[in-house]
Amino acid sequence: MAKRPPKKSDRTARRERARLLARLRIDRERLFTLEPGGQPTHPLEASSAAVIEAHAAGAPCPLCAAAQEVTEHAASVQRGIRLREVKLRCRQCGSTRSLWFKIVGTSLN
């Protein structure tokens, strides 16, 4: 007859679950940075600067899937490419991150 492993205490189970959730948060944030727009090396494409904030605000938080708010929208140049960085803050969990865009609209001239 096989022995059953000893039952874990409630405290041990809570601590294991908390460690698992912490690792999950780290993994979700890492996945967000690997998606388009997560880093300046692979920005999202936008037709104009006017649509960037609306698009960024519509992106759900990768940690809790709640709505995010735009805290800052700045233009920058990295490796000769003009980019837009939109800093976001989650309304529910308070986490912060940046979303990167490259404007690829047609020129008027």
PDB file of N, CA and C in Angstrom:
ATOM      1  N   MET A   1       0.844  -1.178   0.000  1.00  0.00           N
ATOM      2  CA  MET A   1       0.000   0.000   0.000  1.00  0.00           C
ATOM      3  C   MET A   1       0.892   1.244   0.000  1.00  0.00           C
ATOM      4  N   ALA A   2       0.624   2.180  -0.936  1.00  0.00           N
ATOM      5  CA  ALA A   2       1.442   3.388  -1.070  1.00  0.00           C
ATOM      6  C   ALA A   2       1.095   4.389   0.018  1.00  0.00           C
ATOM      7  N   LYS A   3       2.141   5.062   0.497  1.00  0.00           N
ATOM      8  CA  LYS A   3       1.929   6.092   1.512  1.00  0.00           C
ATOM      9  C   LYS A   3       1.505   7.382   0.844  1.00  0.00           C
ATOM     10  N   ARG A   4       0.607   8.050   1.461  1.00  0.00           N
ATOM     11  CA  ARG A   4       0.199   9.376   0.987  1.00  0.00           C
ATOM     12  C   ARG A   4       1.191  10.405   1.496  1.00  0.00           C
ATOM     13  N   PRO A   5       1.491  11.404   0.652  1.00  0.00           N
ATOM     14  CA  PRO A   5       2.374  12.460   1.167  1.00  0.00           C
ATOM     15  C   PRO A   5       1.643  13.247   2.256  1.00  0.00           C
ATOM     16  N   PRO A   6       2.390  13.789   3.187  1.00  0.00           N
ATOM     17  CA  PRO A   6       1.733  14.545   4.263  1.00  0.00           C
ATOM     18  C   PRO A   6       1.002  15.765   3.697  1.00  0.00           C
ATOM     19  N   LYS A   7      -0.116  16.085   4.305  1.00  0.00           N
ATOM     20  CA  LYS A   7      -0.921  17.224   3.863  1.00  0.00           C
ATOM     21  C   LYS A   7      -0.186  18.525   4.200  1.00  0.00           C
ATOM     22  N   LYS A   8      -0.173  19.428   3.225  1.00  0.00           N
ATOM     23  CA  LYS A   8       0.484  20.720   3.436  1.00  0.00           C
ATOM     24  C   LYS A   8      -0.380  21.594   4.322  1.00  0.00           C
ATOM     25  N   SER A   9       0.278  22.404   5.109  1.00  0.00           N
ATOM     26  CA  SER A   9      -0.469  23.327   5.957  1.00  0.00           C
ATOM     27  C   SER A   9      -1.058  24.433   5.087  1.00  0.00           C
ATOM     28  N   ASP A  10      -2.042  25.113   5.604  1.00  0.00           N
ATOM     29  CA  ASP A  10      -2.673  26.208   4.873  1.00  0.00           C
ATOM     30  C   ASP A  10      -1.660  27.304   4.555  1.00  0.00           C
ATOM     31  N   ARG A  11      -0.788  27.585   5.494  1.00  0.00           N
ATOM     32  CA  ARG A  11       0.227  28.628   5.296  1.00  0.00           C
ATOM     33  C   ARG A  11       1.170  28.251   4.157  1.00  0.00           C
ATOM     34  N   THR A  12       1.599  27.001   4.126  1.00  0.00           N
ATOM     35  CA  THR A  12       2.488  26.536   3.064  1.00  0.00           C
ATOM     36  C   THR A  12       1.800  26.635   1.709  1.00  0.00           C
ATOM     37  N   ALA A  13       0.554  26.223   1.650  1.00  0.00           N
ATOM     38  CA  ALA A  13      -0.197  26.294   0.390  1.00  0.00           C
ATOM     39  C   ALA A  13      -0.343  27.744  -0.072  1.00  0.00           C
ATOM     40  N   ARG A  14      -0.627  28.672   0.847  1.00  0.00           N
ATOM     41  CA  ARG A  14      -0.748  30.096   0.492  1.00  0.00           C
ATOM     42  C   ARG A  14       0.577  30.650  -0.029  1.00  0.00           C
ATOM     43  N   ARG A  15       1.670  30.286   0.637  1.00  0.00           N
ATOM     44  CA  ARG A  15       2.987  30.783   0.214  1.00  0.00           C
ATOM     45  C   ARG A  15       3.367  30.236  -1.165  1.00  0.00           C
ATOM     46  N   GLU A  16       3.072  28.964  -1.422  1.00  0.00           N
ATOM     47  CA  GLU A  16       3.361  28.388  -2.729  1.00  0.00           C
ATOM     48  C   GLU A  16       2.538  29.078  -3.819  1.00  0.00           C
ATOM     49  N   ARG A  17       1.284  29.350  -3.508  1.00  0.00           N
ATOM     50  CA  ARG A  17       0.416  30.031  -4.478  1.00  0.00           C
ATOM     51  C   ARG A  17       0.914  31.459  -4.731  1.00  0.00           C
ATOM     52  N   ALA A  18       1.352  32.155  -3.685  1.00  0.00           N
ATOM     53  CA  ALA A  18       1.870  33.517  -3.848  1.00  0.00           C
ATOM     54  C   ALA A  18       3.132  33.520  -4.714  1.00  0.00           C
ATOM     55  N   ARG A  19       4.020  32.534  -4.504  1.00  0.00           N
ATOM     56  CA  ARG A  19       5.229  32.431  -5.337  1.00  0.00           C
ATOM     57  C   ARG A  19       4.862  32.132  -6.784  1.00  0.00           C
ATOM     58  N   LEU A  20       3.892  31.269  -6.999  1.00  0.00           N
ATOM     59  CA  LEU A  20       3.443  30.940  -8.345  1.00  0.00           C
ATOM     60  C   LEU A  20       2.861  32.167  -9.044  1.00  0.00           C
ATOM     61  N   LEU A  21       2.044  32.948  -8.331  1.00  0.00           N
ATOM     62  CA  LEU A  21       1.463  34.158  -8.914  1.00  0.00           C
ATOM     63  C   LEU A  21       2.523  35.207  -9.214  1.00  0.00           C
ATOM     64  N   ALA A  22       3.539  35.309  -8.373  1.00  0.00           N
ATOM     65  CA  ALA A  22       4.629  36.257  -8.629  1.00  0.00           C
ATOM     66  C   ALA A  22       5.391  35.872  -9.893  1.00  0.00           C
ATOM     67  N   ARG A  23       5.671  34.585 -10.056  1.00  0.00           N
ATOM     68  CA  ARG A  23       6.353  34.122 -11.277  1.00  0.00           C
ATOM     69  C   ARG A  23       5.481  34.358 -12.505  1.00  0.00           C
ATOM     70  N   LEU A  24       4.184  34.157 -12.369  1.00  0.00           N
ATOM     71  CA  LEU A  24       3.261  34.377 -13.473  1.00  0.00           C
ATOM     72  C   LEU A  24       3.247  35.845 -13.886  1.00  0.00           C
ATOM     73  N   ARG A  25       3.262  36.756 -12.923  1.00  0.00           N
ATOM     74  CA  ARG A  25       3.312  38.191 -13.227  1.00  0.00           C
ATOM     75  C   ARG A  25       4.578  38.546 -14.000  1.00  0.00           C
ATOM     76  N   ILE A  26       5.707  37.992 -13.568  1.00  0.00           N
ATOM     77  CA  ILE A  26       6.981  38.250 -14.241  1.00  0.00           C
ATOM     78  C   ILE A  26       6.936  37.713 -15.675  1.00  0.00           C
ATOM     79  N   ASP A  27       6.406  36.512 -15.846  1.00  0.00           N
ATOM     80  CA  ASP A  27       6.316  35.919 -17.179  1.00  0.00           C
ATOM     81  C   ASP A  27       5.381  36.705 -18.092  1.00  0.00           C
ATOM     82  N   ARG A  28       4.253  37.180 -17.565  1.00  0.00           N
ATOM     83  CA  ARG A  28       3.316  37.973 -18.385  1.00  0.00           C
ATOM     84  C   ARG A  28       3.941  39.297 -18.809  1.00  0.00           C
ATOM     85  N   GLU A  29       4.665  39.935 -17.901  1.00  0.00           N
ATOM     86  CA  GLU A  29       5.326  41.200 -18.241  1.00  0.00           C
ATOM     87  C   GLU A  29       6.423  40.957 -19.286  1.00  0.00           C
ATOM     88  N   ARG A  30       7.151  39.871 -19.143  1.00  0.00           N
ATOM     89  CA  ARG A  30       8.188  39.522 -20.127  1.00  0.00           C
ATOM     90  C   ARG A  30       7.555  39.271 -21.504  1.00  0.00           C
ATOM     91  N   LEU A  31       6.437  38.567 -21.547  1.00  0.00           N
ATOM     92  CA  LEU A  31       5.745  38.334 -22.813  1.00  0.00           C
ATOM     93  C   LEU A  31       5.274  39.640 -23.437  1.00  0.00           C
ATOM     94  N   PHE A  32       4.807  40.571 -22.610  1.00  0.00           N
ATOM     95  CA  PHE A  32       4.374  41.876 -23.120  1.00  0.00           C
ATOM     96  C   PHE A  32       5.528  42.586 -23.817  1.00  0.00           C
ATOM     97  N   THR A  33       6.727  42.514 -23.248  1.00  0.00           N
ATOM     98  CA  THR A  33       7.870  43.198 -23.856  1.00  0.00           C
ATOM     99  C   THR A  33       8.313  42.522 -25.146  1.00  0.00           C
ATOM    100  N   LEU A  34       7.977  41.260 -25.334  1.00  0.00           N
ATOM    101  CA  LEU A  34       8.346  40.557 -26.562  1.00  0.00           C
ATOM    102  C   LEU A  34       7.352  40.789 -27.700  1.00  0.00           C
ATOM    103  N   GLU A  35       6.143  41.234 -27.377  1.00  0.00           N
ATOM    104  CA  GLU A  35       5.134  41.507 -28.401  1.00  0.00           C
ATOM    105  C   GLU A  35       5.450  42.809 -29.118  1.00  0.00           C
ATOM    106  N   PRO A  36       4.888  43.014 -30.318  1.00  0.00           N
ATOM    107  CA  PRO A  36       5.088  44.298 -31.010  1.00  0.00           C
ATOM    108  C   PRO A  36       4.639  45.464 -30.125  1.00  0.00           C
ATOM    109  N   GLY A  37       5.515  46.474 -30.035  1.00  0.00           N
ATOM    110  CA  GLY A  37       5.233  47.639 -29.211  1.00  0.00           C
ATOM    111  C   GLY A  37       5.789  47.556 -27.808  1.00  0.00           C
ATOM    112  N   GLY A  38       6.252  46.402 -27.411  1.00  0.00           N
ATOM    113  CA  GLY A  38       6.765  46.222 -26.051  1.00  0.00           C
ATOM    114  C   GLY A  38       8.145  46.807 -25.830  1.00  0.00           C
ATOM    115  N   GLN A  39       8.905  46.988 -26.902  1.00  0.00           N
ATOM    116  CA  GLN A  39      10.248  47.554 -26.817  1.00  0.00           C
ATOM    117  C   GLN A  39      10.492  48.460 -28.017  1.00  0.00           C
ATOM    118  N   PRO A  40      11.425  49.397 -27.902  1.00  0.00           N
ATOM    119  CA  PRO A  40      11.695  50.290 -29.025  1.00  0.00           C
ATOM    120  C   PRO A  40      12.289  49.569 -30.234  1.00  0.00           C
ATOM    121  N   THR A  41      12.825  48.388 -30.042  1.00  0.00           N
ATOM    122  CA  THR A  41      13.392  47.650 -31.174  1.00  0.00           C
ATOM    123  C   THR A  41      12.335  47.041 -32.082  1.00  0.00           C
ATOM    124  N   HIS A  42      11.115  46.879 -31.594  1.00  0.00           N
ATOM    125  CA  HIS A  42      10.016  46.385 -32.433  1.00  0.00           C
ATOM    126  C   HIS A  42       8.719  47.131 -32.089  1.00  0.00           C
ATOM    127  N   PRO A  43       8.623  48.386 -32.582  1.00  0.00           N
ATOM    128  CA  PRO A  43       7.453  49.210 -32.277  1.00  0.00           C
ATOM    129  C   PRO A  43       6.227  48.818 -33.115  1.00  0.00           C
ATOM    130  N   LEU A  44       5.076  49.217 -32.610  1.00  0.00           N
ATOM    131  CA  LEU A  44       3.840  49.103 -33.386  1.00  0.00           C
ATOM    132  C   LEU A  44       3.842  50.192 -34.446  1.00  0.00           C
ATOM    133  N   GLU A  45       3.161  49.957 -35.550  1.00  0.00           N
ATOM    134  CA  GLU A  45       3.074  50.966 -36.588  1.00  0.00           C
ATOM    135  C   GLU A  45       1.762  51.723 -36.440  1.00  0.00           C
ATOM    136  N   ALA A  46       1.849  53.038 -36.612  1.00  0.00           N
ATOM    137  CA  ALA A  46       0.667  53.894 -36.523  1.00  0.00           C
ATOM    138  C   ALA A  46       0.632  54.800 -37.747  1.00  0.00           C
ATOM    139  N   SER A  47      -0.566  55.114 -38.223  1.00  0.00           N
ATOM    140  CA  SER A  47      -0.697  55.952 -39.412  1.00  0.00           C
ATOM    141  C   SER A  47      -0.428  57.419 -39.105  1.00  0.00           C
ATOM    142  N   SER A  48      -0.720  57.852 -37.873  1.00  0.00           N
ATOM    143  CA  SER A  48      -0.437  59.230 -37.470  1.00  0.00           C
ATOM    144  C   SER A  48      -0.345  59.303 -35.954  1.00  0.00           C
ATOM    145  N   ALA A  49       0.171  60.430 -35.471  1.00  0.00           N
ATOM    146  CA  ALA A  49       0.310  60.609 -34.020  1.00  0.00           C
ATOM    147  C   ALA A  49      -1.053  60.723 -33.338  1.00  0.00           C
ATOM    148  N   ALA A  50      -2.068  61.099 -34.090  1.00  0.00           N
ATOM    149  CA  ALA A  50      -3.396  61.301 -33.501  1.00  0.00           C
ATOM    150  C   ALA A  50      -4.034  59.999 -33.017  1.00  0.00           C
ATOM    151  N   VAL A  51      -3.659  58.872 -33.576  1.00  0.00           N
ATOM    152  CA  VAL A  51      -4.302  57.607 -33.194  1.00  0.00           C
ATOM    153  C   VAL A  51      -3.538  56.845 -32.114  1.00  0.00           C
ATOM    154  N   ILE A  52      -2.356  57.324 -31.774  1.00  0.00           N
ATOM    155  CA  ILE A  52      -1.500  56.568 -30.858  1.00  0.00           C
ATOM    156  C   ILE A  52      -2.094  56.454 -29.455  1.00  0.00           C
ATOM    157  N   GLU A  53      -2.513  57.563 -28.867  1.00  0.00           N
ATOM    158  CA  GLU A  53      -3.027  57.512 -27.491  1.00  0.00           C
ATOM    159  C   GLU A  53      -4.288  56.675 -27.378  1.00  0.00           C
ATOM    160  N   ALA A  54      -5.177  56.767 -28.361  1.00  0.00           N
ATOM    161  CA  ALA A  54      -6.404  55.964 -28.315  1.00  0.00           C
ATOM    162  C   ALA A  54      -6.073  54.476 -28.402  1.00  0.00           C
ATOM    163  N   HIS A  55      -5.137  54.141 -29.258  1.00  0.00           N
ATOM    164  CA  HIS A  55      -4.735  52.736 -29.389  1.00  0.00           C
ATOM    165  C   HIS A  55      -4.079  52.234 -28.102  1.00  0.00           C
ATOM    166  N   ALA A  56      -3.196  53.039 -27.527  1.00  0.00           N
ATOM    167  CA  ALA A  56      -2.492  52.645 -26.311  1.00  0.00           C
ATOM    168  C   ALA A  56      -3.450  52.495 -25.129  1.00  0.00           C
ATOM    169  N   ALA A  57      -4.393  53.417 -24.986  1.00  0.00           N
ATOM    170  CA  ALA A  57      -5.339  53.349 -23.870  1.00  0.00           C
ATOM    171  C   ALA A  57      -6.261  52.141 -23.997  1.00  0.00           C
ATOM    172  N   GLY A  58      -6.460  51.650 -25.198  1.00  0.00           N
ATOM    173  CA  GLY A  58      -7.321  50.486 -25.410  1.00  0.00           C
ATOM    174  C   GLY A  58      -6.632  49.163 -25.142  1.00  0.00           C
ATOM    175  N   ALA A  59      -5.329  49.182 -24.950  1.00  0.00           N
ATOM    176  CA  ALA A  59      -4.589  47.943 -24.677  1.00  0.00           C
ATOM    177  C   ALA A  59      -4.812  47.521 -23.224  1.00  0.00           C
ATOM    178  N   PRO A  60      -5.230  46.285 -22.984  1.00  0.00           N
ATOM    179  CA  PRO A  60      -5.438  45.847 -21.599  1.00  0.00           C
ATOM    180  C   PRO A  60      -4.117  45.593 -20.888  1.00  0.00           C
ATOM    181  N   CYS A  61      -4.155  45.685 -19.588  1.00  0.00           N
ATOM    182  CA  CYS A  61      -2.975  45.400 -18.762  1.00  0.00           C
ATOM    183  C   CYS A  61      -2.613  43.922 -18.928  1.00  0.00           C
ATOM    184  N   PRO A  62      -1.341  43.613 -19.197  1.00  0.00           N
ATOM    185  CA  PRO A  62      -0.966  42.203 -19.358  1.00  0.00           C
ATOM    186  C   PRO A  62      -1.013  41.408 -18.052  1.00  0.00           C
ATOM    187  N   LEU A  63      -1.052  42.090 -16.918  1.00  0.00           N
ATOM    188  CA  LEU A  63      -1.061  41.393 -15.637  1.00  0.00           C
ATOM    189  C   LEU A  63      -2.467  41.070 -15.146  1.00  0.00           C
ATOM    190  N   CYS A  64      -3.379  42.027 -15.275  1.00  0.00           N
ATOM    191  CA  CYS A  64      -4.713  41.810 -14.714  1.00  0.00           C
ATOM    192  C   CYS A  64      -5.838  42.028 -15.732  1.00  0.00           C
ATOM    193  N   ALA A  65      -5.505  42.401 -16.964  1.00  0.00           N
ATOM    194  CA  ALA A  65      -6.451  42.611 -18.064  1.00  0.00           C
ATOM    195  C   ALA A  65      -7.396  43.805 -17.837  1.00  0.00           C
ATOM    196  N   ALA A  66      -7.064  44.688 -16.919  1.00  0.00           N
ATOM    197  CA  ALA A  66      -7.878  45.877 -16.673  1.00  0.00           C
ATOM    198  C   ALA A  66      -7.486  46.988 -17.651  1.00  0.00           C
ATOM    199  N   ALA A  67      -8.246  48.068 -17.651  1.00  0.00           N
ATOM    200  CA  ALA A  67      -7.965  49.209 -18.521  1.00  0.00           C
ATOM    201  C   ALA A  67      -6.728  49.956 -18.016  1.00  0.00           C
ATOM    202  N   GLN A  68      -6.007  50.544 -18.964  1.00  0.00           N
ATOM    203  CA  GLN A  68      -4.826  51.332 -18.622  1.00  0.00           C
ATOM    204  C   GLN A  68      -5.073  52.781 -19.005  1.00  0.00           C
ATOM    205  N   GLU A  69      -4.352  53.685 -18.342  1.00  0.00           N
ATOM    206  CA  GLU A  69      -4.451  55.098 -18.684  1.00  0.00           C
ATOM    207  C   GLU A  69      -3.098  55.604 -19.149  1.00  0.00           C
ATOM    208  N   VAL A  70      -3.123  56.559 -20.073  1.00  0.00           N
ATOM    209  CA  VAL A  70      -1.904  57.153 -20.593  1.00  0.00           C
ATOM    210  C   VAL A  70      -1.428  58.203 -19.602  1.00  0.00           C
ATOM    211  N   THR A  71      -0.178  58.084 -19.160  1.00  0.00           N
ATOM    212  CA  THR A  71       0.386  59.067 -18.239  1.00  0.00           C
ATOM    213  C   THR A  71       1.333  60.025 -18.948  1.00  0.00           C
ATOM    214  N   GLU A  72       1.908  59.574 -20.084  1.00  0.00           N
ATOM    215  CA  GLU A  72       2.833  60.433 -20.821  1.00  0.00           C
ATOM    216  C   GLU A  72       2.939  59.927 -22.257  1.00  0.00           C
ATOM    217  N   HIS A  73       3.085  60.877 -23.190  1.00  0.00           N
ATOM    218  CA  HIS A  73       3.272  60.553 -24.603  1.00  0.00           C
ATOM    219  C   HIS A  73       4.422  61.418 -25.090  1.00  0.00           C
ATOM    220  N   ALA A  74       5.549  60.777 -25.438  1.00  0.00           N
ATOM    221  CA  ALA A  74       6.746  61.533 -25.813  1.00  0.00           C
ATOM    222  C   ALA A  74       7.328  61.017 -27.118  1.00  0.00           C
ATOM    223  N   ALA A  75       7.931  61.929 -27.874  1.00  0.00           N
ATOM    224  CA  ALA A  75       8.635  61.562 -29.106  1.00  0.00           C
ATOM    225  C   ALA A  75      10.108  61.410 -28.786  1.00  0.00           C
ATOM    226  N   SER A  76      10.745  60.435 -29.439  1.00  0.00           N
ATOM    227  CA  SER A  76      12.178  60.242 -29.243  1.00  0.00           C
ATOM    228  C   SER A  76      12.778  59.666 -30.524  1.00  0.00           C
ATOM    229  N   VAL A  77      14.092  59.741 -30.622  1.00  0.00           N
ATOM    230  CA  VAL A  77      14.813  59.170 -31.750  1.00  0.00           C
ATOM    231  C   VAL A  77      15.768  58.125 -31.198  1.00  0.00           C
ATOM    232  N   GLN A  78      15.663  56.903 -31.713  1.00  0.00           N
ATOM    233  CA  GLN A  78      16.551  55.826 -31.280  1.00  0.00           C
ATOM    234  C   GLN A  78      17.095  55.130 -32.519  1.00  0.00           C
ATOM    235  N   ARG A  79      18.404  55.112 -32.618  1.00  0.00           N
ATOM    236  CA  ARG A  79      19.102  54.533 -33.767  1.00  0.00           C
ATOM    237  C   ARG A  79      18.615  55.125 -35.087  1.00  0.00           C
ATOM    238  N   GLY A  80      18.378  56.425 -35.086  1.00  0.00           N
ATOM    239  CA  GLY A  80      17.975  57.121 -36.296  1.00  0.00           C
ATOM    240  C   GLY A  80      16.512  56.970 -36.670  1.00  0.00           C
ATOM    241  N   ILE A  81      15.725  56.317 -35.850  1.00  0.00           N
ATOM    242  CA  ILE A  81      14.304  56.107 -36.132  1.00  0.00           C
ATOM    243  C   ILE A  81      13.485  56.933 -35.148  1.00  0.00           C
ATOM    244  N   ARG A  82      12.540  57.715 -35.688  1.00  0.00           N
ATOM    245  CA  ARG A  82      11.669  58.518 -34.817  1.00  0.00           C
ATOM    246  C   ARG A  82      10.570  57.625 -34.250  1.00  0.00           C
ATOM    247  N   LEU A  83      10.503  57.586 -32.926  1.00  0.00           N
ATOM    248  CA  LEU A  83       9.536  56.742 -32.231  1.00  0.00           C
ATOM    249  C   LEU A  83       8.682  57.575 -31.296  1.00  0.00           C
ATOM    250  N   ARG A  84       7.556  57.015 -30.918  1.00  0.00           N
ATOM    251  CA  ARG A  84       6.687  57.591 -29.894  1.00  0.00           C
ATOM    252  C   ARG A  84       6.608  56.596 -28.747  1.00  0.00           C
ATOM    253  N   GLU A  85       6.884  57.078 -27.535  1.00  0.00           N
ATOM    254  CA  GLU A  85       6.756  56.249 -26.338  1.00  0.00           C
ATOM    255  C   GLU A  85       5.539  56.716 -25.558  1.00  0.00           C
ATOM    256  N   VAL A  86       4.643  55.776 -25.302  1.00  0.00           N
ATOM    257  CA  VAL A  86       3.454  56.070 -24.511  1.00  0.00           C
ATOM    258  C   VAL A  86       3.595  55.323 -23.197  1.00  0.00           C
ATOM    259  N   LYS A  87       3.661  56.065 -22.099  1.00  0.00           N
ATOM    260  CA  LYS A  87       3.768  55.447 -20.775  1.00  0.00           C
ATOM    261  C   LYS A  87       2.357  55.210 -20.256  1.00  0.00           C
ATOM    262  N   LEU A  88       2.131  53.993 -19.796  1.00  0.00           N
ATOM    263  CA  LEU A  88       0.807  53.567 -19.340  1.00  0.00           C
ATOM    264  C   LEU A  88       0.859  53.168 -17.870  1.00  0.00           C
ATOM    265  N   ARG A  89      -0.276  53.347 -17.193  1.00  0.00           N
ATOM    266  CA  ARG A  89      -0.441  52.886 -15.811  1.00  0.00           C
ATOM    267  C   ARG A  89      -1.767  52.172 -15.715  1.00  0.00           C
ATOM    268  N   CYS A  90      -1.754  50.975 -15.139  1.00  0.00           N
ATOM    269  CA  CYS A  90      -2.977  50.192 -14.991  1.00  0.00           C
ATOM    270  C   CYS A  90      -3.857  50.827 -13.918  1.00  0.00           C
ATOM    271  N   ARG A  91      -5.126  50.932 -14.212  1.00  0.00           N
ATOM    272  CA  ARG A  91      -6.063  51.533 -13.256  1.00  0.00           C
ATOM    273  C   ARG A  91      -6.392  50.606 -12.092  1.00  0.00           C
ATOM    274  N   GLN A  92      -6.195  49.321 -12.272  1.00  0.00           N
ATOM    275  CA  GLN A  92      -6.539  48.380 -11.206  1.00  0.00           C
ATOM    276  C   GLN A  92      -5.333  47.991 -10.354  1.00  0.00           C
ATOM    277  N   CYS A  93      -4.273  47.486 -10.989  1.00  0.00           N
ATOM    278  CA  CYS A  93      -3.138  46.995 -10.199  1.00  0.00           C
ATOM    279  C   CYS A  93      -2.023  48.029 -10.049  1.00  0.00           C
ATOM    280  N   GLY A  94      -2.070  49.125 -10.827  1.00  0.00           N
ATOM    281  CA  GLY A  94      -1.089  50.194 -10.686  1.00  0.00           C
ATOM    282  C   GLY A  94       0.246  49.942 -11.369  1.00  0.00           C
ATOM    283  N   SER A  95       0.382  48.843 -12.103  1.00  0.00           N
ATOM    284  CA  SER A  95       1.647  48.564 -12.773  1.00  0.00           C
ATOM    285  C   SER A  95       1.865  49.555 -13.916  1.00  0.00           C
ATOM    286  N   THR A  96       3.122  49.819 -14.223  1.00  0.00           N
ATOM    287  CA  THR A  96       3.451  50.773 -15.276  1.00  0.00           C
ATOM    288  C   THR A  96       4.288  50.089 -16.345  1.00  0.00           C
ATOM    289  N   ARG A  97       4.177  50.600 -17.568  1.00  0.00           N
ATOM    290  CA  ARG A  97       4.938  50.074 -18.692  1.00  0.00           C
ATOM    291  C   ARG A  97       4.908  51.080 -19.827  1.00  0.00           C
ATOM    292  N   SER A  98       5.724  50.851 -20.837  1.00  0.00           N
ATOM    293  CA  SER A  98       5.749  51.712 -22.017  1.00  0.00           C
ATOM    294  C   SER A  98       5.315  50.914 -23.233  1.00  0.00           C
ATOM    295  N   LEU A  99       4.647  51.598 -24.140  1.00  0.00           N
ATOM    296  CA  LEU A  99       4.246  51.030 -25.419  1.00  0.00           C
ATOM    297  C   LEU A  99       4.880  51.910 -26.494  1.00  0.00           C
ATOM    298  N   TRP A 100       5.536  51.293 -27.471  1.00  0.00           N
ATOM    299  CA  TRP A 100       6.306  52.022 -28.474  1.00  0.00           C
ATOM    300  C   TRP A 100       5.615  51.983 -29.830  1.00  0.00           C
ATOM    301  N   PHE A 101       5.674  53.132 -30.546  1.00  0.00           N
ATOM    302  CA  PHE A 101       5.051  53.264 -31.862  1.00  0.00           C
ATOM    303  C   PHE A 101       6.018  53.902 -32.851  1.00  0.00           C
ATOM    304  N   LYS A 102       5.836  53.560 -34.110  1.00  0.00           N
ATOM    305  CA  LYS A 102       6.556  54.201 -35.212  1.00  0.00           C
ATOM    306  C   LYS A 102       5.492  54.696 -36.184  1.00  0.00           C
ATOM    307  N   ILE A 103       5.543  55.975 -36.541  1.00  0.00           N
ATOM    308  CA  ILE A 103       4.559  56.534 -37.462  1.00  0.00           C
ATOM    309  C   ILE A 103       4.998  56.200 -38.878  1.00  0.00           C
ATOM    310  N   VAL A 104       4.114  55.547 -39.610  1.00  0.00           N
ATOM    311  CA  VAL A 104       4.423  55.103 -40.968  1.00  0.00           C
ATOM    312  C   VAL A 104       3.428  55.644 -41.987  1.00  0.00           C
ATOM    313  N   GLY A 105       2.765  56.751 -41.645  1.00  0.00           N
ATOM    314  CA  GLY A 105       1.790  57.348 -42.557  1.00  0.00           C
ATOM    315  C   GLY A 105       2.463  57.847 -43.822  1.00  0.00           C
ATOM    316  N   THR A 106       1.665  58.023 -44.843  1.00  0.00           N
ATOM    317  CA  THR A 106       2.191  58.533 -46.107  1.00  0.00           C
ATOM    318  C   THR A 106       2.522  60.013 -45.968  1.00  0.00           C
ATOM    319  N   SER A 107       3.567  60.436 -46.652  1.00  0.00           N
ATOM    320  CA  SER A 107       3.942  61.847 -46.596  1.00  0.00           C
ATOM    321  C   SER A 107       3.061  62.660 -47.539  1.00  0.00           C
ATOM    322  N   LEU A 108       2.892  63.931 -47.234  1.00  0.00           N
ATOM    323  CA  LEU A 108       2.027  64.791 -48.055  1.00  0.00           C
ATOM    324  C   LEU A 108       2.749  65.308 -49.289  1.00  0.00           C
ATOM    325  N   ASN A 109       4.061  65.307 -49.295  1.00  0.00           N
ATOM    326  CA  ASN A 109       4.801  65.836 -50.439  1.00  0.00           C
ATOM    327  C   ASN A 109       5.105  64.765 -51.438  1.00  0.00           C
TER     328      ASN A 109
END
